[in-house]
Amino acid sequence: YLGDLTDHGSDLIGHKEESPLQDYSRGNTQPPENESS
């Protein structure tokens, strides 16, 4: 879960990319069909 549940994508991080958690911090999250984990 390191890439998903750390501070990745938050205001504290200078690494920027397209990823679900970074999309979340940008307010771009959409309802997933499934979220098994």
ModelCIF file with pLDDT and N, C-alpha, C, O atoms, coordinates in Angstrom:
data_MODEL
#
_entry.id   MODEL 
#
_entity.id                         1 
_entity.type                       polymer 
_entity.pdbx_number_of_molecules   1 
#
_entity_poly.entity_id                      1 
_entity_poly.type                           'polypeptide(L)' 
_entity_poly.nstd_linkage                   no 
_entity_poly.nstd_monomer                   no 
_entity_poly.pdbx_seq_one_letter_code       YLGDLTDHGSDLIGHKEESPLQDYSRGNTQPPENESS 
_entity_poly.pdbx_seq_one_letter_code_can   YLGDLTDHGSDLIGHKEESPLQDYSRGNTQPPENESS 
_entity_poly.pdbx_strand_id                 A 
#
loop_
_entity_poly_seq.entity_id 
_entity_poly_seq.num 
_entity_poly_seq.mon_id 
_entity_poly_seq.hetero 
1 1  TYR n 
1 2  LEU n 
1 3  GLY n 
1 4  ASP n 
1 5  LEU n 
1 6  THR n 
1 7  ASP n 
1 8  HIS n 
1 9  GLY n 
1 10 SER n 
1 11 ASP n 
1 12 LEU n 
1 13 ILE n 
1 14 GLY n 
1 15 HIS n 
1 16 LYS n 
1 17 GLU n 
1 18 GLU n 
1 19 SER n 
1 20 PRO n 
1 21 LEU n 
1 22 GLN n 
1 23 ASP n 
1 24 TYR n 
1 25 SER n 
1 26 ARG n 
1 27 GLY n 
1 28 ASN n 
1 29 THR n 
1 30 GLN n 
1 31 PRO n 
1 32 PRO n 
1 33 GLU n 
1 34 ASN n 
1 35 GLU n 
1 36 SER n 
1 37 SER n 
#
_struct_asym.id          A 
_struct_asym.entity_id   1 
#
loop_
_ma_qa_metric.id 
_ma_qa_metric.mode 
_ma_qa_metric.name 
_ma_qa_metric.software_group_id 
_ma_qa_metric.type 
1 global pLDDT . pLDDT 
2 local  pLDDT . pLDDT 
#
_ma_qa_metric_global.metric_id      1 
_ma_qa_metric_global.metric_value   88.86 
_ma_qa_metric_global.model_id       1 
_ma_qa_metric_global.ordinal_id     1 
#
loop_
_ma_qa_metric_local.label_asym_id 
_ma_qa_metric_local.label_comp_id 
_ma_qa_metric_local.label_seq_id 
_ma_qa_metric_local.metric_id 
_ma_qa_metric_local.metric_value 
_ma_qa_metric_local.model_id 
_ma_qa_metric_local.ordinal_id 
A TYR 1  2 87.00 1 1  
A LEU 2  2 82.00 1 2  
A GLY 3  2 75.00 1 3  
A ASP 4  2 78.00 1 4  
A LEU 5  2 78.00 1 5  
A THR 6  2 86.00 1 6  
A ASP 7  2 90.00 1 7  
A HIS 8  2 89.00 1 8  
A GLY 9  2 89.00 1 9  
A SER 10 2 94.00 1 10 
A ASP 11 2 96.00 1 11 
A LEU 12 2 96.00 1 12 
A ILE 13 2 94.00 1 13 
A GLY 14 2 92.00 1 14 
A HIS 15 2 89.00 1 15 
A LYS 16 2 85.00 1 16 
A GLU 17 2 82.00 1 17 
A GLU 18 2 81.00 1 18 
A SER 19 2 82.00 1 19 
A PRO 20 2 83.00 1 20 
A LEU 21 2 82.00 1 21 
A GLN 22 2 88.00 1 22 
A ASP 23 2 91.00 1 23 
A TYR 24 2 93.00 1 24 
A SER 25 2 94.00 1 25 
A ARG 26 2 95.00 1 26 
A GLY 27 2 95.00 1 27 
A ASN 28 2 94.00 1 28 
A THR 29 2 93.00 1 29 
A GLN 30 2 92.00 1 30 
A PRO 31 2 94.00 1 31 
A PRO 32 2 94.00 1 32 
A GLU 33 2 95.00 1 33 
A ASN 34 2 92.00 1 34 
A GLU 35 2 90.00 1 35 
A SER 36 2 89.00 1 36 
A SER 37 2 89.00 1 37 
#
loop_
_atom_site.group_PDB 
_atom_site.id 
_atom_site.type_symbol 
_atom_site.label_atom_id 
_atom_site.label_alt_id 
_atom_site.label_comp_id 
_atom_site.label_asym_id 
_atom_site.label_entity_id 
_atom_site.label_seq_id 
_atom_site.pdbx_PDB_ins_code 
_atom_site.Cartn_x 
_atom_site.Cartn_y 
_atom_site.Cartn_z 
_atom_site.occupancy 
_atom_site.B_iso_or_equiv 
_atom_site.pdbx_formal_charge 
_atom_site.auth_seq_id 
_atom_site.auth_comp_id 
_atom_site.auth_asym_id 
_atom_site.auth_atom_id 
_atom_site.pdbx_PDB_model_num 
ATOM 1   N N  . TYR A 1 1  ? 0.820   -1.213 0.000   1.00 87.00 ? 1  TYR A N  1 
ATOM 2   C CA . TYR A 1 1  ? 0.000   0.000  0.000   1.00 87.00 ? 1  TYR A CA 1 
ATOM 3   C C  . TYR A 1 1  ? 0.859   1.271  0.000   1.00 87.00 ? 1  TYR A C  1 
ATOM 4   O O  . TYR A 1 1  ? 0.325   2.378  0.078   1.00 87.00 ? 1  TYR A O  1 
ATOM 5   N N  . LEU A 1 2  ? 2.184   1.117  -0.087  1.00 82.00 ? 2  LEU A N  1 
ATOM 6   C CA . LEU A 1 2  ? 3.080   2.266  0.063   1.00 82.00 ? 2  LEU A CA 1 
ATOM 7   C C  . LEU A 1 2  ? 2.741   3.397  -0.896  1.00 82.00 ? 2  LEU A C  1 
ATOM 8   O O  . LEU A 1 2  ? 2.708   4.561  -0.497  1.00 82.00 ? 2  LEU A O  1 
ATOM 9   N N  . GLY A 1 3  ? 2.487   3.062  -2.165  1.00 75.00 ? 3  GLY A N  1 
ATOM 10  C CA . GLY A 1 3  ? 2.212   4.101  -3.139  1.00 75.00 ? 3  GLY A CA 1 
ATOM 11  C C  . GLY A 1 3  ? 0.830   4.710  -3.028  1.00 75.00 ? 3  GLY A C  1 
ATOM 12  O O  . GLY A 1 3  ? 0.568   5.764  -3.607  1.00 75.00 ? 3  GLY A O  1 
ATOM 13  N N  . ASP A 1 4  ? -0.072  4.049  -2.280  1.00 78.00 ? 4  ASP A N  1 
ATOM 14  C CA . ASP A 1 4  ? -1.459  4.488  -2.213  1.00 78.00 ? 4  ASP A CA 1 
ATOM 15  C C  . ASP A 1 4  ? -1.832  5.177  -0.906  1.00 78.00 ? 4  ASP A C  1 
ATOM 16  O O  . ASP A 1 4  ? -2.733  6.015  -0.888  1.00 78.00 ? 4  ASP A O  1 
ATOM 17  N N  . LEU A 1 5  ? -1.163  4.841  0.170   1.00 78.00 ? 5  LEU A N  1 
ATOM 18  C CA . LEU A 1 5  ? -1.609  5.329  1.474   1.00 78.00 ? 5  LEU A CA 1 
ATOM 19  C C  . LEU A 1 5  ? -0.574  6.170  2.208   1.00 78.00 ? 5  LEU A C  1 
ATOM 20  O O  . LEU A 1 5  ? -0.765  6.494  3.380   1.00 78.00 ? 5  LEU A O  1 
ATOM 21  N N  . THR A 1 6  ? 0.505   6.525  1.547   1.00 86.00 ? 6  THR A N  1 
ATOM 22  C CA . THR A 1 6  ? 1.435   7.470  2.157   1.00 86.00 ? 6  THR A CA 1 
ATOM 23  C C  . THR A 1 6  ? 0.964   8.881  1.820   1.00 86.00 ? 6  THR A C  1 
ATOM 24  O O  . THR A 1 6  ? -0.203  9.079  1.481   1.00 86.00 ? 6  THR A O  1 
ATOM 25  N N  . ASP A 1 7  ? 1.851   9.851  1.907   1.00 90.00 ? 7  ASP A N  1 
ATOM 26  C CA . ASP A 1 7  ? 1.492   11.229 1.580   1.00 90.00 ? 7  ASP A CA 1 
ATOM 27  C C  . ASP A 1 7  ? 1.604   11.496 0.081   1.00 90.00 ? 7  ASP A C  1 
ATOM 28  O O  . ASP A 1 7  ? 1.523   12.646 -0.350  1.00 90.00 ? 7  ASP A O  1 
ATOM 29  N N  . HIS A 1 8  ? 1.787   10.461 -0.703  1.00 89.00 ? 8  HIS A N  1 
ATOM 30  C CA . HIS A 1 8  ? 1.963   10.611 -2.151  1.00 89.00 ? 8  HIS A CA 1 
ATOM 31  C C  . HIS A 1 8  ? 0.824   11.418 -2.758  1.00 89.00 ? 8  HIS A C  1 
ATOM 32  O O  . HIS A 1 8  ? -0.352  11.130 -2.535  1.00 89.00 ? 8  HIS A O  1 
ATOM 33  N N  . GLY A 1 9  ? 1.200   12.442 -3.538  1.00 89.00 ? 9  GLY A N  1 
ATOM 34  C CA . GLY A 1 9  ? 0.193   13.272 -4.180  1.00 89.00 ? 9  GLY A CA 1 
ATOM 35  C C  . GLY A 1 9  ? -0.299  14.435 -3.345  1.00 89.00 ? 9  GLY A C  1 
ATOM 36  O O  . GLY A 1 9  ? -1.047  15.276 -3.842  1.00 89.00 ? 9  GLY A O  1 
ATOM 37  N N  . SER A 1 10 ? 0.105   14.500 -2.084  1.00 94.00 ? 10 SER A N  1 
ATOM 38  C CA . SER A 1 10 ? -0.395  15.570 -1.216  1.00 94.00 ? 10 SER A CA 1 
ATOM 39  C C  . SER A 1 10 ? 0.396   16.854 -1.441  1.00 94.00 ? 10 SER A C  1 
ATOM 40  O O  . SER A 1 10 ? 1.268   16.920 -2.308  1.00 94.00 ? 10 SER A O  1 
ATOM 41  N N  . ASP A 1 11 ? 0.080   17.853 -0.658  1.00 96.00 ? 11 ASP A N  1 
ATOM 42  C CA . ASP A 1 11 ? 0.783   19.134 -0.738  1.00 96.00 ? 11 ASP A CA 1 
ATOM 43  C C  . ASP A 1 11 ? 2.230   19.038 -0.292  1.00 96.00 ? 11 ASP A C  1 
ATOM 44  O O  . ASP A 1 11 ? 3.002   19.973 -0.505  1.00 96.00 ? 11 ASP A O  1 
ATOM 45  N N  . LEU A 1 12 ? 2.612   17.928 0.323   1.00 96.00 ? 12 LEU A N  1 
ATOM 46  C CA . LEU A 1 12 ? 3.973   17.762 0.825   1.00 96.00 ? 12 LEU A CA 1 
ATOM 47  C C  . LEU A 1 12 ? 4.912   17.135 -0.198  1.00 96.00 ? 12 LEU A C  1 
ATOM 48  O O  . LEU A 1 12 ? 6.120   17.072 0.031   1.00 96.00 ? 12 LEU A O  1 
ATOM 49  N N  . ILE A 1 13 ? 4.374   16.671 -1.321  1.00 94.00 ? 13 ILE A N  1 
ATOM 50  C CA . ILE A 1 13 ? 5.151   15.870 -2.270  1.00 94.00 ? 13 ILE A CA 1 
ATOM 51  C C  . ILE A 1 13 ? 5.431   16.670 -3.545  1.00 94.00 ? 13 ILE A C  1 
ATOM 52  O O  . ILE A 1 13 ? 4.542   17.314 -4.102  1.00 94.00 ? 13 ILE A O  1 
ATOM 53  N N  . GLY A 1 14 ? 6.687   16.612 -3.990  1.00 92.00 ? 14 GLY A N  1 
ATOM 54  C CA . GLY A 1 14 ? 7.095   17.315 -5.196  1.00 92.00 ? 14 GLY A CA 1 
ATOM 55  C C  . GLY A 1 14 ? 7.167   16.447 -6.419  1.00 92.00 ? 14 GLY A C  1 
ATOM 56  O O  . GLY A 1 14 ? 7.478   16.942 -7.503  1.00 92.00 ? 14 GLY A O  1 
ATOM 57  N N  . HIS A 1 15 ? 6.889   15.167 -6.286  1.00 89.00 ? 15 HIS A N  1 
ATOM 58  C CA . HIS A 1 15 ? 6.855   14.262 -7.441  1.00 89.00 ? 15 HIS A CA 1 
ATOM 59  C C  . HIS A 1 15 ? 5.441   14.247 -8.002  1.00 89.00 ? 15 HIS A C  1 
ATOM 60  O O  . HIS A 1 15 ? 4.491   13.926 -7.289  1.00 89.00 ? 15 HIS A O  1 
ATOM 61  N N  . LYS A 1 16 ? 5.303   14.587 -9.257  1.00 85.00 ? 16 LYS A N  1 
ATOM 62  C CA . LYS A 1 16 ? 3.983   14.687 -9.864  1.00 85.00 ? 16 LYS A CA 1 
ATOM 63  C C  . LYS A 1 16 ? 3.848   13.704 -11.021 1.00 85.00 ? 16 LYS A C  1 
ATOM 64  O O  . LYS A 1 16 ? 4.755   13.558 -11.839 1.00 85.00 ? 16 LYS A O  1 
ATOM 65  N N  . GLU A 1 17 ? 2.702   13.034 -11.074 1.00 82.00 ? 17 GLU A N  1 
ATOM 66  C CA . GLU A 1 17 ? 2.427   12.060 -12.123 1.00 82.00 ? 17 GLU A CA 1 
ATOM 67  C C  . GLU A 1 17 ? 0.920   11.850 -12.186 1.00 82.00 ? 17 GLU A C  1 
ATOM 68  O O  . GLU A 1 17 ? 0.161   12.384 -11.377 1.00 82.00 ? 17 GLU A O  1 
ATOM 69  N N  . GLU A 1 18 ? 0.518   11.070 -13.154 1.00 81.00 ? 18 GLU A N  1 
ATOM 70  C CA . GLU A 1 18 ? -0.882  10.670 -13.234 1.00 81.00 ? 18 GLU A CA 1 
ATOM 71  C C  . GLU A 1 18 ? -1.055  9.378  -12.441 1.00 81.00 ? 18 GLU A C  1 
ATOM 72  O O  . GLU A 1 18 ? -0.492  8.346  -12.805 1.00 81.00 ? 18 GLU A O  1 
ATOM 73  N N  . SER A 1 19 ? -1.815  9.428  -11.380 1.00 82.00 ? 19 SER A N  1 
ATOM 74  C CA . SER A 1 19 ? -2.055  8.250  -10.550 1.00 82.00 ? 19 SER A CA 1 
ATOM 75  C C  . SER A 1 19 ? -3.347  8.468  -9.785  1.00 82.00 ? 19 SER A C  1 
ATOM 76  O O  . SER A 1 19 ? -3.760  9.615  -9.611  1.00 82.00 ? 19 SER A O  1 
ATOM 77  N N  . PRO A 1 20 ? -4.005  7.402  -9.318  1.00 83.00 ? 20 PRO A N  1 
ATOM 78  C CA . PRO A 1 20 ? -5.270  7.566  -8.592  1.00 83.00 ? 20 PRO A CA 1 
ATOM 79  C C  . PRO A 1 20 ? -5.165  8.472  -7.375  1.00 83.00 ? 20 PRO A C  1 
ATOM 80  O O  . PRO A 1 20 ? -6.053  9.289  -7.133  1.00 83.00 ? 20 PRO A O  1 
ATOM 81  N N  . LEU A 1 21 ? -4.085  8.335  -6.603  1.00 82.00 ? 21 LEU A N  1 
ATOM 82  C CA . LEU A 1 21 ? -3.985  9.153  -5.400  1.00 82.00 ? 21 LEU A CA 1 
ATOM 83  C C  . LEU A 1 21 ? -3.704  10.612 -5.752  1.00 82.00 ? 21 LEU A C  1 
ATOM 84  O O  . LEU A 1 21 ? -4.212  11.516 -5.088  1.00 82.00 ? 21 LEU A O  1 
ATOM 85  N N  . GLN A 1 22 ? -2.902  10.849 -6.788  1.00 88.00 ? 22 GLN A N  1 
ATOM 86  C CA . GLN A 1 22 ? -2.683  12.231 -7.200  1.00 88.00 ? 22 GLN A CA 1 
ATOM 87  C C  . GLN A 1 22 ? -3.960  12.817 -7.792  1.00 88.00 ? 22 GLN A C  1 
ATOM 88  O O  . GLN A 1 22 ? -4.258  13.993 -7.584  1.00 88.00 ? 22 GLN A O  1 
ATOM 89  N N  . ASP A 1 23 ? -4.710  12.009 -8.524  1.00 91.00 ? 23 ASP A N  1 
ATOM 90  C CA . ASP A 1 23 ? -6.011  12.485 -9.008  1.00 91.00 ? 23 ASP A CA 1 
ATOM 91  C C  . ASP A 1 23 ? -6.924  12.837 -7.836  1.00 91.00 ? 23 ASP A C  1 
ATOM 92  O O  . ASP A 1 23 ? -7.681  13.805 -7.898  1.00 91.00 ? 23 ASP A O  1 
ATOM 93  N N  . TYR A 1 24 ? -6.845  12.041 -6.766  1.00 93.00 ? 24 TYR A N  1 
ATOM 94  C CA . TYR A 1 24 ? -7.660  12.331 -5.582  1.00 93.00 ? 24 TYR A CA 1 
ATOM 95  C C  . TYR A 1 24 ? -7.310  13.701 -5.007  1.00 93.00 ? 24 TYR A C  1 
ATOM 96  O O  . TYR A 1 24 ? -8.201  14.484 -4.679  1.00 93.00 ? 24 TYR A O  1 
ATOM 97  N N  . SER A 1 25 ? -6.014  13.993 -4.885  1.00 94.00 ? 25 SER A N  1 
ATOM 98  C CA . SER A 1 25 ? -5.604  15.274 -4.307  1.00 94.00 ? 25 SER A CA 1 
ATOM 99  C C  . SER A 1 25 ? -5.981  16.443 -5.206  1.00 94.00 ? 25 SER A C  1 
ATOM 100 O O  . SER A 1 25 ? -6.072  17.581 -4.746  1.00 94.00 ? 25 SER A O  1 
ATOM 101 N N  . ARG A 1 26 ? -6.200  16.163 -6.490  1.00 95.00 ? 26 ARG A N  1 
ATOM 102 C CA . ARG A 1 26 ? -6.630  17.204 -7.429  1.00 95.00 ? 26 ARG A CA 1 
ATOM 103 C C  . ARG A 1 26 ? -8.149  17.320 -7.491  1.00 95.00 ? 26 ARG A C  1 
ATOM 104 O O  . ARG A 1 26 ? -8.673  18.179 -8.200  1.00 95.00 ? 26 ARG A O  1 
ATOM 105 N N  . GLY A 1 27 ? -8.863  16.462 -6.757  1.00 95.00 ? 27 GLY A N  1 
ATOM 106 C CA . GLY A 1 27 ? -10.314 16.483 -6.776  1.00 95.00 ? 27 GLY A CA 1 
ATOM 107 C C  . GLY A 1 27 ? -10.905 15.806 -7.992  1.00 95.00 ? 27 GLY A C  1 
ATOM 108 O O  . GLY A 1 27 ? -12.034 16.098 -8.386  1.00 95.00 ? 27 GLY A O  1 
ATOM 109 N N  . ASN A 1 28 ? -10.135 14.886 -8.599  1.00 94.00 ? 28 ASN A N  1 
ATOM 110 C CA . ASN A 1 28 ? -10.583 14.259 -9.845  1.00 94.00 ? 28 ASN A CA 1 
ATOM 111 C C  . ASN A 1 28 ? -11.093 12.828 -9.673  1.00 94.00 ? 28 ASN A C  1 
ATOM 112 O O  . ASN A 1 28 ? -11.264 12.120 -10.666 1.00 94.00 ? 28 ASN A O  1 
ATOM 113 N N  . THR A 1 29 ? -11.338 12.390 -8.452  1.00 93.00 ? 29 THR A N  1 
ATOM 114 C CA . THR A 1 29 ? -11.750 11.014 -8.205  1.00 93.00 ? 29 THR A CA 1 
ATOM 115 C C  . THR A 1 29 ? -13.175 10.767 -8.713  1.00 93.00 ? 29 THR A C  1 
ATOM 116 O O  . THR A 1 29 ? -14.077 11.568 -8.466  1.00 93.00 ? 29 THR A O  1 
ATOM 117 N N  . GLN A 1 30 ? -13.364 9.667  -9.415  1.00 92.00 ? 30 GLN A N  1 
ATOM 118 C CA . GLN A 1 30 ? -14.670 9.239  -9.888  1.00 92.00 ? 30 GLN A CA 1 
ATOM 119 C C  . GLN A 1 30 ? -15.028 7.898  -9.252  1.00 92.00 ? 30 GLN A C  1 
ATOM 120 O O  . GLN A 1 30 ? -14.128 7.126  -8.921  1.00 92.00 ? 30 GLN A O  1 
ATOM 121 N N  . PRO A 1 31 ? -16.311 7.599  -9.073  1.00 94.00 ? 31 PRO A N  1 
ATOM 122 C CA . PRO A 1 31 ? -16.694 6.328  -8.447  1.00 94.00 ? 31 PRO A CA 1 
ATOM 123 C C  . PRO A 1 31 ? -16.169 5.140  -9.250  1.00 94.00 ? 31 PRO A C  1 
ATOM 124 O O  . PRO A 1 31 ? -16.443 5.045  -10.446 1.00 94.00 ? 31 PRO A O  1 
ATOM 125 N N  . PRO A 1 32 ? -15.421 4.234  -8.619  1.00 94.00 ? 32 PRO A N  1 
ATOM 126 C CA . PRO A 1 32 ? -14.943 3.043  -9.313  1.00 94.00 ? 32 PRO A CA 1 
ATOM 127 C C  . PRO A 1 32 ? -16.044 1.988  -9.359  1.00 94.00 ? 32 PRO A C  1 
ATOM 128 O O  . PRO A 1 32 ? -16.962 2.007  -8.539  1.00 94.00 ? 32 PRO A O  1 
ATOM 129 N N  . GLU A 1 33 ? -15.954 1.079  -10.307 1.00 95.00 ? 33 GLU A N  1 
ATOM 130 C CA . GLU A 1 33 ? -16.923 -0.017 -10.318 1.00 95.00 ? 33 GLU A CA 1 
ATOM 131 C C  . GLU A 1 33 ? -16.652 -0.964 -9.161  1.00 95.00 ? 33 GLU A C  1 
ATOM 132 O O  . GLU A 1 33 ? -17.571 -1.373 -8.452  1.00 95.00 ? 33 GLU A O  1 
ATOM 133 N N  . ASN A 1 34 ? -15.395 -1.306 -8.979  1.00 92.00 ? 34 ASN A N  1 
ATOM 134 C CA . ASN A 1 34 ? -14.991 -2.185 -7.878  1.00 92.00 ? 34 ASN A CA 1 
ATOM 135 C C  . ASN A 1 34 ? -13.773 -1.591 -7.196  1.00 92.00 ? 34 ASN A C  1 
ATOM 136 O O  . ASN A 1 34 ? -13.003 -0.856 -7.814  1.00 92.00 ? 34 ASN A O  1 
ATOM 137 N N  . GLU A 1 35 ? -13.603 -1.906 -5.939  1.00 90.00 ? 35 GLU A N  1 
ATOM 138 C CA . GLU A 1 35 ? -12.434 -1.475 -5.191  1.00 90.00 ? 35 GLU A CA 1 
ATOM 139 C C  . GLU A 1 35 ? -12.088 -2.582 -4.200  1.00 90.00 ? 35 GLU A C  1 
ATOM 140 O O  . GLU A 1 35 ? -12.284 -2.448 -2.992  1.00 90.00 ? 35 GLU A O  1 
ATOM 141 N N  . SER A 1 36 ? -11.574 -3.668 -4.742  1.00 89.00 ? 36 SER A N  1 
ATOM 142 C CA . SER A 1 36 ? -11.398 -4.886 -3.944  1.00 89.00 ? 36 SER A CA 1 
ATOM 143 C C  . SER A 1 36 ? -10.516 -4.654 -2.730  1.00 89.00 ? 36 SER A C  1 
ATOM 144 O O  . SER A 1 36 ? -10.871 -5.054 -1.621  1.00 89.00 ? 36 SER A O  1 
ATOM 145 N N  . SER A 1 37 ? -9.358  -4.005 -2.929  1.00 89.00 ? 37 SER A N  1 
ATOM 146 C CA . SER A 1 37 ? -8.411  -3.855 -1.823  1.00 89.00 ? 37 SER A CA 1 
ATOM 147 C C  . SER A 1 37 ? -8.946  -2.990 -0.705  1.00 89.00 ? 37 SER A C  1 
ATOM 148 O O  . SER A 1 37 ? -8.258  -2.775 0.293   1.00 89.00 ? 37 SER A O  1 
#
